[in-house]
């Protein structure tokens, strides 16, 4: 019997179309029960491993994929990478047991728009799906920073100044397309501030902050706010506390 169940229907306007990928049938059943009860959501398919998930997503073209990490045949990191590399790729929301997880960090680097703890309540689940569907990140940027601090490789003990100098040159090249104001906004995003907090700190309208964020995403070819936080950290713009 196939591990994959695929629904019918074309992508388009209407309810948010969801695809579930998890090797635990009870987990999928629990999510499906909650999601199918929502008038603005519909589950169009599900799969029990990453490979079946990639195939099912290609067939059903959902808006959002709920992706487990540890699965047989193909894990959620590789499945996320393949899905996000496709044309008109759906958003991917990673399901995890622990928020500070190297596999979750790898999935974020592969293009996931955020992550959700498996024991999250229905309200959190629905809010996270709406967030990623609307183009936001389903996680606190401060949580992303804690993950980065744990999993981004540290500088070597020896010859640190030479390494730091090279990294500064690389960072300057990566950030060259940005204006000074855009760098300030990127730094604030990397520190975990919300749009409202950034607006207050930089004396800007919140709509202006959103405009700056859109320009940063375009100039640096970043997928979403999660990728902004990663970039701010990797270039040293956000700093370490």
Foldseek 3Di string as FASTA:
>chain_A
DAQKFFADDADDDFAQEEEEEAQDPVLVVVVQVLQCVDRRYHYGMYGNALVNVLVRCVVHVGQEYEAEADGPPHGRLVSLLSQVPDPNRHAYEYEDQDLLDPSQLSSVVSHHLEYDYSPDDSVLVVVQVVQVSVFAHSDQLCSLLVSCVVPVDDQDPPPRVVVVVVLLVVLCVLCVVDDPVLLLLLLCLLLRDDLVVSCVVVVHDSVVSVVSLVVVCVVNVHRGSSRSNVSCVSSCSNPDD
